[in-house]
Amino acid sequence: YPFNPGDFFQPLGALALVGCIGSLICGWRTPAGYKVLLW
């Protein structure tokens, strides 16, 4: 098989991790109810 699904999903996972951590840091001082959406 010429392509491993991990070659597709793993970079997206890394990008999602950057988005998640960045969102948590930038939204740290938001109200608790909003922070749940980030967590």
PDB file of all heavy atoms in Angstrom:
ATOM      1  N   TYR A   1       0.858  -1.189   0.000  1.00  0.00           N
ATOM      2  CA  TYR A   1       0.000   0.000   0.000  1.00  0.00           C
ATOM      3  C   TYR A   1       0.892   1.237   0.000  1.00  0.00           C
ATOM      4  O   TYR A   1       1.767   1.361   0.850  1.00  0.00           O
ATOM      5  CB  TYR A   1      -0.913  -0.020   1.233  1.00  0.00           C
ATOM      6  CG  TYR A   1      -2.182   0.779   1.051  1.00  0.00           C
ATOM      7  CD1 TYR A   1      -3.291   0.221   0.464  1.00  0.00           C
ATOM      8  CD2 TYR A   1      -2.246   2.094   1.468  1.00  0.00           C
ATOM      9  CE1 TYR A   1      -4.448   0.947   0.294  1.00  0.00           C
ATOM     10  CE2 TYR A   1      -3.414   2.831   1.304  1.00  0.00           C
ATOM     11  CZ  TYR A   1      -4.506   2.243   0.712  1.00  0.00           C
ATOM     12  OH  TYR A   1      -5.652   2.968   0.545  1.00  0.00           O
ATOM     13  N   PRO A   2       0.686   2.157  -0.910  1.00  0.00           N
ATOM     14  CA  PRO A   2       1.630   3.268  -1.066  1.00  0.00           C
ATOM     15  C   PRO A   2       1.567   4.352   0.014  1.00  0.00           C
ATOM     16  O   PRO A   2       2.438   5.204   0.071  1.00  0.00           O
ATOM     17  CB  PRO A   2       1.252   3.858  -2.415  1.00  0.00           C
ATOM     18  CG  PRO A   2      -0.198   3.534  -2.576  1.00  0.00           C
ATOM     19  CD  PRO A   2      -0.385   2.197  -1.893  1.00  0.00           C
ATOM     20  N   PHE A   3       0.555   4.328   0.857  1.00  0.00           N
ATOM     21  CA  PHE A   3       0.399   5.422   1.812  1.00  0.00           C
ATOM     22  C   PHE A   3      -0.096   4.887   3.144  1.00  0.00           C
ATOM     23  O   PHE A   3      -1.058   4.125   3.183  1.00  0.00           O
ATOM     24  CB  PHE A   3      -0.608   6.447   1.261  1.00  0.00           C
ATOM     25  CG  PHE A   3      -0.662   7.727   2.031  1.00  0.00           C
ATOM     26  CD1 PHE A   3       0.331   8.680   1.888  1.00  0.00           C
ATOM     27  CD2 PHE A   3      -1.704   7.976   2.903  1.00  0.00           C
ATOM     28  CE1 PHE A   3       0.289   9.860   2.600  1.00  0.00           C
ATOM     29  CE2 PHE A   3      -1.754   9.158   3.622  1.00  0.00           C
ATOM     30  CZ  PHE A   3      -0.749  10.110   3.466  1.00  0.00           C
ATOM     31  N   ASN A   4       0.543   5.296   4.224  1.00  0.00           N
ATOM     32  CA  ASN A   4       0.152   4.890   5.565  1.00  0.00           C
ATOM     33  C   ASN A   4      -0.797   5.947   6.129  1.00  0.00           C
ATOM     34  O   ASN A   4      -0.464   7.138   6.087  1.00  0.00           O
ATOM     35  CB  ASN A   4       1.407   4.776   6.434  1.00  0.00           C
ATOM     36  CG  ASN A   4       1.110   4.286   7.829  1.00  0.00           C
ATOM     37  OD1 ASN A   4       0.052   4.515   8.390  1.00  0.00           O
ATOM     38  ND2 ASN A   4       2.081   3.602   8.401  1.00  0.00           N
ATOM     39  N   PRO A   5      -1.958   5.567   6.655  1.00  0.00           N
ATOM     40  CA  PRO A   5      -2.879   6.560   7.214  1.00  0.00           C
ATOM     41  C   PRO A   5      -2.242   7.447   8.292  1.00  0.00           C
ATOM     42  O   PRO A   5      -2.619   8.606   8.455  1.00  0.00           O
ATOM     43  CB  PRO A   5      -4.011   5.720   7.803  1.00  0.00           C
ATOM     44  CG  PRO A   5      -3.983   4.465   7.011  1.00  0.00           C
ATOM     45  CD  PRO A   5      -2.533   4.226   6.693  1.00  0.00           C
ATOM     46  N   GLY A   6      -1.261   6.924   8.997  1.00  0.00           N
ATOM     47  CA  GLY A   6      -0.576   7.731   9.996  1.00  0.00           C
ATOM     48  C   GLY A   6       0.114   8.938   9.389  1.00  0.00           C
ATOM     49  O   GLY A   6       0.231   9.992  10.029  1.00  0.00           O
ATOM     50  N   ASP A   7       0.543   8.808   8.121  1.00  0.00           N
ATOM     51  CA  ASP A   7       1.174   9.939   7.443  1.00  0.00           C
ATOM     52  C   ASP A   7       0.172  11.079   7.202  1.00  0.00           C
ATOM     53  O   ASP A   7       0.576  12.214   6.963  1.00  0.00           O
ATOM     54  CB  ASP A   7       1.776   9.501   6.108  1.00  0.00           C
ATOM     55  CG  ASP A   7       2.912   8.511   6.287  1.00  0.00           C
ATOM     56  OD1 ASP A   7       3.503   8.463   7.390  1.00  0.00           O
ATOM     57  OD2 ASP A   7       3.204   7.776   5.325  1.00  0.00           O
ATOM     58  N   PHE A   8      -1.090  10.764   7.246  1.00  0.00           N
ATOM     59  CA  PHE A   8      -2.150  11.777   7.116  1.00  0.00           C
ATOM     60  C   PHE A   8      -2.580  12.291   8.485  1.00  0.00           C
ATOM     61  O   PHE A   8      -2.642  13.497   8.722  1.00  0.00           O
ATOM     62  CB  PHE A   8      -3.351  11.167   6.375  1.00  0.00           C
ATOM     63  CG  PHE A   8      -4.551  12.062   6.302  1.00  0.00           C
ATOM     64  CD1 PHE A   8      -4.604  13.102   5.395  1.00  0.00           C
ATOM     65  CD2 PHE A   8      -5.646  11.855   7.142  1.00  0.00           C
ATOM     66  CE1 PHE A   8      -5.719  13.929   5.319  1.00  0.00           C
ATOM     67  CE2 PHE A   8      -6.756  12.670   7.070  1.00  0.00           C
ATOM     68  CZ  PHE A   8      -6.785  13.717   6.154  1.00  0.00           C
ATOM     69  N   PHE A   9      -2.857  11.368   9.415  1.00  0.00           N
ATOM     70  CA  PHE A   9      -3.431  11.755  10.700  1.00  0.00           C
ATOM     71  C   PHE A   9      -2.415  12.331  11.683  1.00  0.00           C
ATOM     72  O   PHE A   9      -2.761  13.206  12.475  1.00  0.00           O
ATOM     73  CB  PHE A   9      -4.167  10.562  11.335  1.00  0.00           C
ATOM     74  CG  PHE A   9      -5.441  10.216  10.626  1.00  0.00           C
ATOM     75  CD1 PHE A   9      -5.541   9.064   9.859  1.00  0.00           C
ATOM     76  CD2 PHE A   9      -6.548  11.048  10.705  1.00  0.00           C
ATOM     77  CE1 PHE A   9      -6.725   8.751   9.199  1.00  0.00           C
ATOM     78  CE2 PHE A   9      -7.728  10.742  10.045  1.00  0.00           C
ATOM     79  CZ  PHE A   9      -7.812   9.592   9.289  1.00  0.00           C
ATOM     80  N   GLN A  10      -1.175  11.864  11.674  1.00  0.00           N
ATOM     81  CA  GLN A  10      -0.212  12.357  12.658  1.00  0.00           C
ATOM     82  C   GLN A  10       0.125  13.842  12.498  1.00  0.00           C
ATOM     83  O   GLN A  10       0.144  14.564  13.500  1.00  0.00           O
ATOM     84  CB  GLN A  10       1.039  11.481  12.667  1.00  0.00           C
ATOM     85  CG  GLN A  10       0.758  10.134  13.301  1.00  0.00           C
ATOM     86  CD  GLN A  10       1.927   9.181  13.226  1.00  0.00           C
ATOM     87  OE1 GLN A  10       2.927   9.438  12.580  1.00  0.00           O
ATOM     88  NE2 GLN A  10       1.792   8.051  13.908  1.00  0.00           N
ATOM     89  N   PRO A  11       0.357  14.358  11.295  1.00  0.00           N
ATOM     90  CA  PRO A  11       0.582  15.812  11.194  1.00  0.00           C
ATOM     91  C   PRO A  11      -0.643  16.625  11.620  1.00  0.00           C
ATOM     92  O   PRO A  11      -0.503  17.696  12.217  1.00  0.00           O
ATOM     93  CB  PRO A  11       0.896  16.033   9.716  1.00  0.00           C
ATOM     94  CG  PRO A  11       1.357  14.711   9.217  1.00  0.00           C
ATOM     95  CD  PRO A  11       0.622  13.679  10.026  1.00  0.00           C
ATOM     96  N   LEU A  12      -1.828  16.109  11.341  1.00  0.00           N
ATOM     97  CA  LEU A  12      -3.038  16.804  11.793  1.00  0.00           C
ATOM     98  C   LEU A  12      -3.127  16.781  13.306  1.00  0.00           C
ATOM     99  O   LEU A  12      -3.581  17.750  13.926  1.00  0.00           O
ATOM    100  CB  LEU A  12      -4.285  16.167  11.175  1.00  0.00           C
ATOM    101  CG  LEU A  12      -4.469  16.424   9.684  1.00  0.00           C
ATOM    102  CD1 LEU A  12      -5.612  15.586   9.141  1.00  0.00           C
ATOM    103  CD2 LEU A  12      -4.698  17.890   9.396  1.00  0.00           C
ATOM    104  N   GLY A  13      -2.685  15.688  13.921  1.00  0.00           N
ATOM    105  CA  GLY A  13      -2.650  15.605  15.378  1.00  0.00           C
ATOM    106  C   GLY A  13      -1.697  16.634  15.964  1.00  0.00           C
ATOM    107  O   GLY A  13      -2.005  17.281  16.974  1.00  0.00           O
ATOM    108  N   ALA A  14      -0.544  16.792  15.336  1.00  0.00           N
ATOM    109  CA  ALA A  14       0.417  17.798  15.812  1.00  0.00           C
ATOM    110  C   ALA A  14      -0.167  19.197  15.676  1.00  0.00           C
ATOM    111  O   ALA A  14      -0.038  20.034  16.583  1.00  0.00           O
ATOM    112  CB  ALA A  14       1.726  17.681  15.028  1.00  0.00           C
ATOM    113  N   LEU A  15      -0.838  19.452  14.576  1.00  0.00           N
ATOM    114  CA  LEU A  15      -1.476  20.754  14.363  1.00  0.00           C
ATOM    115  C   LEU A  15      -2.597  20.983  15.379  1.00  0.00           C
ATOM    116  O   LEU A  15      -2.734  22.085  15.931  1.00  0.00           O
ATOM    117  CB  LEU A  15      -2.013  20.821  12.933  1.00  0.00           C
ATOM    118  CG  LEU A  15      -2.341  22.191  12.358  1.00  0.00           C
ATOM    119  CD1 LEU A  15      -1.124  23.110  12.409  1.00  0.00           C
ATOM    120  CD2 LEU A  15      -2.826  22.035  10.925  1.00  0.00           C
ATOM    121  N   ALA A  16      -3.373  19.950  15.651  1.00  0.00           N
ATOM    122  CA  ALA A  16      -4.441  20.049  16.658  1.00  0.00           C
ATOM    123  C   ALA A  16      -3.860  20.326  18.035  1.00  0.00           C
ATOM    124  O   ALA A  16      -4.418  21.114  18.807  1.00  0.00           O
ATOM    125  CB  ALA A  16      -5.288  18.778  16.680  1.00  0.00           C
ATOM    126  N   LEU A  17      -2.737  19.699  18.344  1.00  0.00           N
ATOM    127  CA  LEU A  17      -2.098  19.944  19.634  1.00  0.00           C
ATOM    128  C   LEU A  17      -1.653  21.396  19.763  1.00  0.00           C
ATOM    129  O   LEU A  17      -1.870  22.029  20.801  1.00  0.00           O
ATOM    130  CB  LEU A  17      -0.913  18.997  19.835  1.00  0.00           C
ATOM    131  CG  LEU A  17      -0.177  19.123  21.167  1.00  0.00           C
ATOM    132  CD1 LEU A  17      -1.118  18.830  22.335  1.00  0.00           C
ATOM    133  CD2 LEU A  17       1.017  18.175  21.195  1.00  0.00           C
ATOM    134  N   VAL A  18      -1.068  21.939  18.708  1.00  0.00           N
ATOM    135  CA  VAL A  18      -0.683  23.358  18.705  1.00  0.00           C
ATOM    136  C   VAL A  18      -1.922  24.228  18.908  1.00  0.00           C
ATOM    137  O   VAL A  18      -1.912  25.168  19.713  1.00  0.00           O
ATOM    138  CB  VAL A  18       0.042  23.731  17.389  1.00  0.00           C
ATOM    139  CG1 VAL A  18       0.183  25.238  17.235  1.00  0.00           C
ATOM    140  CG2 VAL A  18       1.407  23.063  17.328  1.00  0.00           C
ATOM    141  N   GLY A  19      -2.993  23.912  18.191  1.00  0.00           N
ATOM    142  CA  GLY A  19      -4.234  24.681  18.338  1.00  0.00           C
ATOM    143  C   GLY A  19      -4.817  24.585  19.732  1.00  0.00           C
ATOM    144  O   GLY A  19      -5.270  25.582  20.298  1.00  0.00           O
ATOM    145  N   CYS A  20      -4.796  23.396  20.306  1.00  0.00           N
ATOM    146  CA  CYS A  20      -5.347  23.196  21.655  1.00  0.00           C
ATOM    147  C   CYS A  20      -4.542  23.957  22.703  1.00  0.00           C
ATOM    148  O   CYS A  20      -5.110  24.679  23.534  1.00  0.00           O
ATOM    149  CB  CYS A  20      -5.362  21.712  22.008  1.00  0.00           C
ATOM    150  SG  CYS A  20      -6.620  20.739  21.182  1.00  0.00           S
ATOM    151  N   ILE A  21      -3.233  23.793  22.676  1.00  0.00           N
ATOM    152  CA  ILE A  21      -2.398  24.455  23.673  1.00  0.00           C
ATOM    153  C   ILE A  21      -2.435  25.962  23.495  1.00  0.00           C
ATOM    154  O   ILE A  21      -2.563  26.715  24.471  1.00  0.00           O
ATOM    155  CB  ILE A  21      -0.957  23.905  23.631  1.00  0.00           C
ATOM    156  CG1 ILE A  21      -0.959  22.462  24.126  1.00  0.00           C
ATOM    157  CG2 ILE A  21      -0.003  24.756  24.464  1.00  0.00           C
ATOM    158  CD1 ILE A  21       0.364  21.741  23.985  1.00  0.00           C
ATOM    159  N   GLY A  22      -2.349  26.430  22.255  1.00  0.00           N
ATOM    160  CA  GLY A  22      -2.436  27.869  22.001  1.00  0.00           C
ATOM    161  C   GLY A  22      -3.761  28.450  22.461  1.00  0.00           C
ATOM    162  O   GLY A  22      -3.805  29.549  23.049  1.00  0.00           O
ATOM    163  N   SER A  23      -4.843  27.730  22.212  1.00  0.00           N
ATOM    164  CA  SER A  23      -6.169  28.191  22.647  1.00  0.00           C
ATOM    165  C   SER A  23      -6.250  28.270  24.168  1.00  0.00           C
ATOM    166  O   SER A  23      -6.804  29.233  24.717  1.00  0.00           O
ATOM    167  CB  SER A  23      -7.260  27.247  22.133  1.00  0.00           C
ATOM    168  OG  SER A  23      -7.297  27.222  20.742  1.00  0.00           O
ATOM    169  N   LEU A  24      -5.716  27.270  24.840  1.00  0.00           N
ATOM    170  CA  LEU A  24      -5.738  27.271  26.306  1.00  0.00           C
ATOM    171  C   LEU A  24      -4.926  28.443  26.871  1.00  0.00           C
ATOM    172  O   LEU A  24      -5.358  29.115  27.808  1.00  0.00           O
ATOM    173  CB  LEU A  24      -5.209  25.947  26.851  1.00  0.00           C
ATOM    174  CG  LEU A  24      -6.155  24.770  26.754  1.00  0.00           C
ATOM    175  CD1 LEU A  24      -5.434  23.474  27.109  1.00  0.00           C
ATOM    176  CD2 LEU A  24      -7.368  24.976  27.640  1.00  0.00           C
ATOM    177  N   ILE A  25      -3.771  28.684  26.297  1.00  0.00           N
ATOM    178  CA  ILE A  25      -2.932  29.780  26.782  1.00  0.00           C
ATOM    179  C   ILE A  25      -3.610  31.126  26.537  1.00  0.00           C
ATOM    180  O   ILE A  25      -3.702  31.964  27.446  1.00  0.00           O
ATOM    181  CB  ILE A  25      -1.535  29.739  26.121  1.00  0.00           C
ATOM    182  CG1 ILE A  25      -0.763  28.516  26.629  1.00  0.00           C
ATOM    183  CG2 ILE A  25      -0.760  31.028  26.387  1.00  0.00           C
ATOM    184  CD1 ILE A  25       0.508  28.213  25.852  1.00  0.00           C
ATOM    185  N   CYS A  26      -4.107  31.343  25.335  1.00  0.00           N
ATOM    186  CA  CYS A  26      -4.742  32.624  25.000  1.00  0.00           C
ATOM    187  C   CYS A  26      -6.069  32.830  25.727  1.00  0.00           C
ATOM    188  O   CYS A  26      -6.469  33.957  25.985  1.00  0.00           O
ATOM    189  CB  CYS A  26      -4.956  32.738  23.496  1.00  0.00           C
ATOM    190  SG  CYS A  26      -3.425  32.837  22.570  1.00  0.00           S
ATOM    191  N   GLY A  27      -6.752  31.736  26.032  1.00  0.00           N
ATOM    192  CA  GLY A  27      -8.050  31.838  26.699  1.00  0.00           C
ATOM    193  C   GLY A  27      -7.978  31.640  28.198  1.00  0.00           C
ATOM    194  O   GLY A  27      -9.005  31.457  28.855  1.00  0.00           O
ATOM    195  N   TRP A  28      -6.776  31.698  28.751  1.00  0.00           N
ATOM    196  CA  TRP A  28      -6.588  31.393  30.168  1.00  0.00           C
ATOM    197  C   TRP A  28      -7.391  32.314  31.074  1.00  0.00           C
ATOM    198  O   TRP A  28      -7.871  31.900  32.122  1.00  0.00           O
ATOM    199  CB  TRP A  28      -5.103  31.460  30.514  1.00  0.00           C
ATOM    200  CG  TRP A  28      -4.806  30.844  31.839  1.00  0.00           C
ATOM    201  CD1 TRP A  28      -4.511  31.496  32.994  1.00  0.00           C
ATOM    202  CD2 TRP A  28      -4.829  29.457  32.150  1.00  0.00           C
ATOM    203  NE1 TRP A  28      -4.321  30.597  34.004  1.00  0.00           N
ATOM    204  CE2 TRP A  28      -4.511  29.320  33.507  1.00  0.00           C
ATOM    205  CE3 TRP A  28      -5.078  28.302  31.411  1.00  0.00           C
ATOM    206  CZ2 TRP A  28      -4.434  28.093  34.149  1.00  0.00           C
ATOM    207  CZ3 TRP A  28      -5.002  27.087  32.038  1.00  0.00           C
ATOM    208  CH2 TRP A  28      -4.688  26.992  33.391  1.00  0.00           C
ATOM    209  N   ARG A  29      -7.550  33.573  30.708  1.00  0.00           N
ATOM    210  CA  ARG A  29      -8.236  34.543  31.577  1.00  0.00           C
ATOM    211  C   ARG A  29      -9.696  34.761  31.187  1.00  0.00           C
ATOM    212  O   ARG A  29     -10.289  35.748  31.590  1.00  0.00           O
ATOM    213  CB  ARG A  29      -7.485  35.869  31.552  1.00  0.00           C
ATOM    214  CG  ARG A  29      -6.131  35.758  32.204  1.00  0.00           C
ATOM    215  CD  ARG A  29      -5.504  37.102  32.400  1.00  0.00           C
ATOM    216  NE  ARG A  29      -4.254  36.953  33.109  1.00  0.00           N
ATOM    217  CZ  ARG A  29      -3.159  37.603  32.813  1.00  0.00           C
ATOM    218  NH1 ARG A  29      -3.156  38.467  31.813  1.00  0.00           N
ATOM    219  NH2 ARG A  29      -2.063  37.412  33.510  1.00  0.00           N
ATOM    220  N   THR A  30     -10.244  33.855  30.432  1.00  0.00           N
ATOM    221  CA  THR A  30     -11.659  33.957  30.064  1.00  0.00           C
ATOM    222  C   THR A  30     -12.503  33.346  31.174  1.00  0.00           C
ATOM    223  O   THR A  30     -11.987  32.628  32.038  1.00  0.00           O
ATOM    224  CB  THR A  30     -11.929  33.237  28.726  1.00  0.00           C
ATOM    225  OG1 THR A  30     -11.497  31.888  28.827  1.00  0.00           O
ATOM    226  CG2 THR A  30     -11.220  33.936  27.574  1.00  0.00           C
ATOM    227  N   PRO A  31     -13.817  33.603  31.164  1.00  0.00           N
ATOM    228  CA  PRO A  31     -14.693  33.006  32.185  1.00  0.00           C
ATOM    229  C   PRO A  31     -14.644  31.477  32.167  1.00  0.00           C
ATOM    230  O   PRO A  31     -14.376  30.863  31.136  1.00  0.00           O
ATOM    231  CB  PRO A  31     -16.087  33.505  31.791  1.00  0.00           C
ATOM    232  CG  PRO A  31     -15.848  34.732  30.975  1.00  0.00           C
ATOM    233  CD  PRO A  31     -14.540  34.520  30.278  1.00  0.00           C
ATOM    234  N   ALA A  32     -14.924  30.896  33.321  1.00  0.00           N
ATOM    235  CA  ALA A  32     -14.823  29.434  33.495  1.00  0.00           C
ATOM    236  C   ALA A  32     -15.689  28.674  32.487  1.00  0.00           C
ATOM    237  O   ALA A  32     -15.265  27.653  31.952  1.00  0.00           O
ATOM    238  CB  ALA A  32     -15.206  29.045  34.918  1.00  0.00           C
ATOM    239  N   GLY A  33     -16.897  29.163  32.231  1.00  0.00           N
ATOM    240  CA  GLY A  33     -17.778  28.479  31.281  1.00  0.00           C
ATOM    241  C   GLY A  33     -17.194  28.430  29.884  1.00  0.00           C
ATOM    242  O   GLY A  33     -17.359  27.448  29.161  1.00  0.00           O
ATOM    243  N   TYR A  34     -16.493  29.482  29.506  1.00  0.00           N
ATOM    244  CA  TYR A  34     -15.859  29.513  28.191  1.00  0.00           C
ATOM    245  C   TYR A  34     -14.624  28.621  28.174  1.00  0.00           C
ATOM    246  O   TYR A  34     -14.353  27.948  27.188  1.00  0.00           O
ATOM    247  CB  TYR A  34     -15.474  30.950  27.821  1.00  0.00           C
ATOM    248  CG  TYR A  34     -14.905  31.072  26.432  1.00  0.00           C
ATOM    249  CD1 TYR A  34     -15.741  31.063  25.321  1.00  0.00           C
ATOM    250  CD2 TYR A  34     -13.537  31.175  26.220  1.00  0.00           C
ATOM    251  CE1 TYR A  34     -15.229  31.169  24.046  1.00  0.00           C
ATOM    252  CE2 TYR A  34     -13.013  31.274  24.952  1.00  0.00           C
ATOM    253  CZ  TYR A  34     -13.856  31.269  23.867  1.00  0.00           C
ATOM    254  OH  TYR A  34     -13.342  31.358  22.600  1.00  0.00           O
ATOM    255  N   LYS A  35     -13.901  28.616  29.273  1.00  0.00           N
ATOM    256  CA  LYS A  35     -12.684  27.798  29.354  1.00  0.00           C
ATOM    257  C   LYS A  35     -12.985  26.315  29.148  1.00  0.00           C
ATOM    258  O   LYS A  35     -12.164  25.583  28.601  1.00  0.00           O
ATOM    259  CB  LYS A  35     -11.996  28.001  30.704  1.00  0.00           C
ATOM    260  CG  LYS A  35     -10.707  28.754  30.604  1.00  0.00           C
ATOM    261  CD  LYS A  35     -10.017  28.770  31.928  1.00  0.00           C
ATOM    262  CE  LYS A  35     -10.290  30.133  32.514  1.00  0.00           C
ATOM    263  NZ  LYS A  35      -9.552  30.425  33.711  1.00  0.00           N
ATOM    264  N   VAL A  36     -14.163  25.878  29.579  1.00  0.00           N
ATOM    265  CA  VAL A  36     -14.549  24.473  29.375  1.00  0.00           C
ATOM    266  C   VAL A  36     -14.533  24.146  27.882  1.00  0.00           C
ATOM    267  O   VAL A  36     -14.084  23.071  27.480  1.00  0.00           O
ATOM    268  CB  VAL A  36     -15.943  24.193  29.989  1.00  0.00           C
ATOM    269  CG1 VAL A  36     -16.482  22.846  29.549  1.00  0.00           C
ATOM    270  CG2 VAL A  36     -15.875  24.279  31.495  1.00  0.00           C
ATOM    271  N   LEU A  37     -14.994  25.093  27.067  1.00  0.00           N
ATOM    272  CA  LEU A  37     -14.997  24.880  25.617  1.00  0.00           C
ATOM    273  C   LEU A  37     -13.577  24.706  25.075  1.00  0.00           C
ATOM    274  O   LEU A  37     -13.376  24.049  24.049  1.00  0.00           O
ATOM    275  CB  LEU A  37     -15.672  26.048  24.900  1.00  0.00           C
ATOM    276  CG  LEU A  37     -17.159  26.261  25.177  1.00  0.00           C
ATOM    277  CD1 LEU A  37     -17.647  27.537  24.510  1.00  0.00           C
ATOM    278  CD2 LEU A  37     -17.962  25.063  24.706  1.00  0.00           C
ATOM    279  N   LEU A  38     -12.610  25.302  25.739  1.00  0.00           N
ATOM    280  CA  LEU A  38     -11.219  25.194  25.306  1.00  0.00           C
ATOM    281  C   LEU A  38     -10.555  23.922  25.831  1.00  0.00           C
ATOM    282  O   LEU A  38      -9.651  23.380  25.191  1.00  0.00           O
ATOM    283  CB  LEU A  38     -10.421  26.418  25.765  1.00  0.00           C
ATOM    284  CG  LEU A  38     -10.958  27.775  25.292  1.00  0.00           C
ATOM    285  CD1 LEU A  38     -10.133  28.899  25.887  1.00  0.00           C
ATOM    286  CD2 LEU A  38     -10.997  27.854  23.779  1.00  0.00           C
ATOM    287  N   TRP A  39     -11.002  23.462  27.008  1.00  0.00           N
ATOM    288  CA  TRP A  39     -10.410  22.263  27.610  1.00  0.00           C
ATOM    289  C   TRP A  39     -10.898  20.976  26.955  1.00  0.00           C
ATOM    290  O   TRP A  39     -10.160  19.991  26.899  1.00  0.00           O
ATOM    291  CB  TRP A  39     -10.691  22.216  29.112  1.00  0.00           C
ATOM    292  CG  TRP A  39      -9.695  22.993  29.902  1.00  0.00           C
ATOM    293  CD1 TRP A  39      -9.869  24.221  30.454  1.00  0.00           C
ATOM    294  CD2 TRP A  39      -8.361  22.607  30.224  1.00  0.00           C
ATOM    295  NE1 TRP A  39      -8.727  24.624  31.097  1.00  0.00           N
ATOM    296  CE2 TRP A  39      -7.784  23.648  30.975  1.00  0.00           C
ATOM    297  CE3 TRP A  39      -7.583  21.486  29.947  1.00  0.00           C
ATOM    298  CZ2 TRP A  39      -6.475  23.592  31.440  1.00  0.00           C
ATOM    299  CZ3 TRP A  39      -6.280  21.432  30.412  1.00  0.00           C
ATOM    300  CH2 TRP A  39      -5.745  22.476  31.152  1.00  0.00           C
TER     301      TRP A  39
END
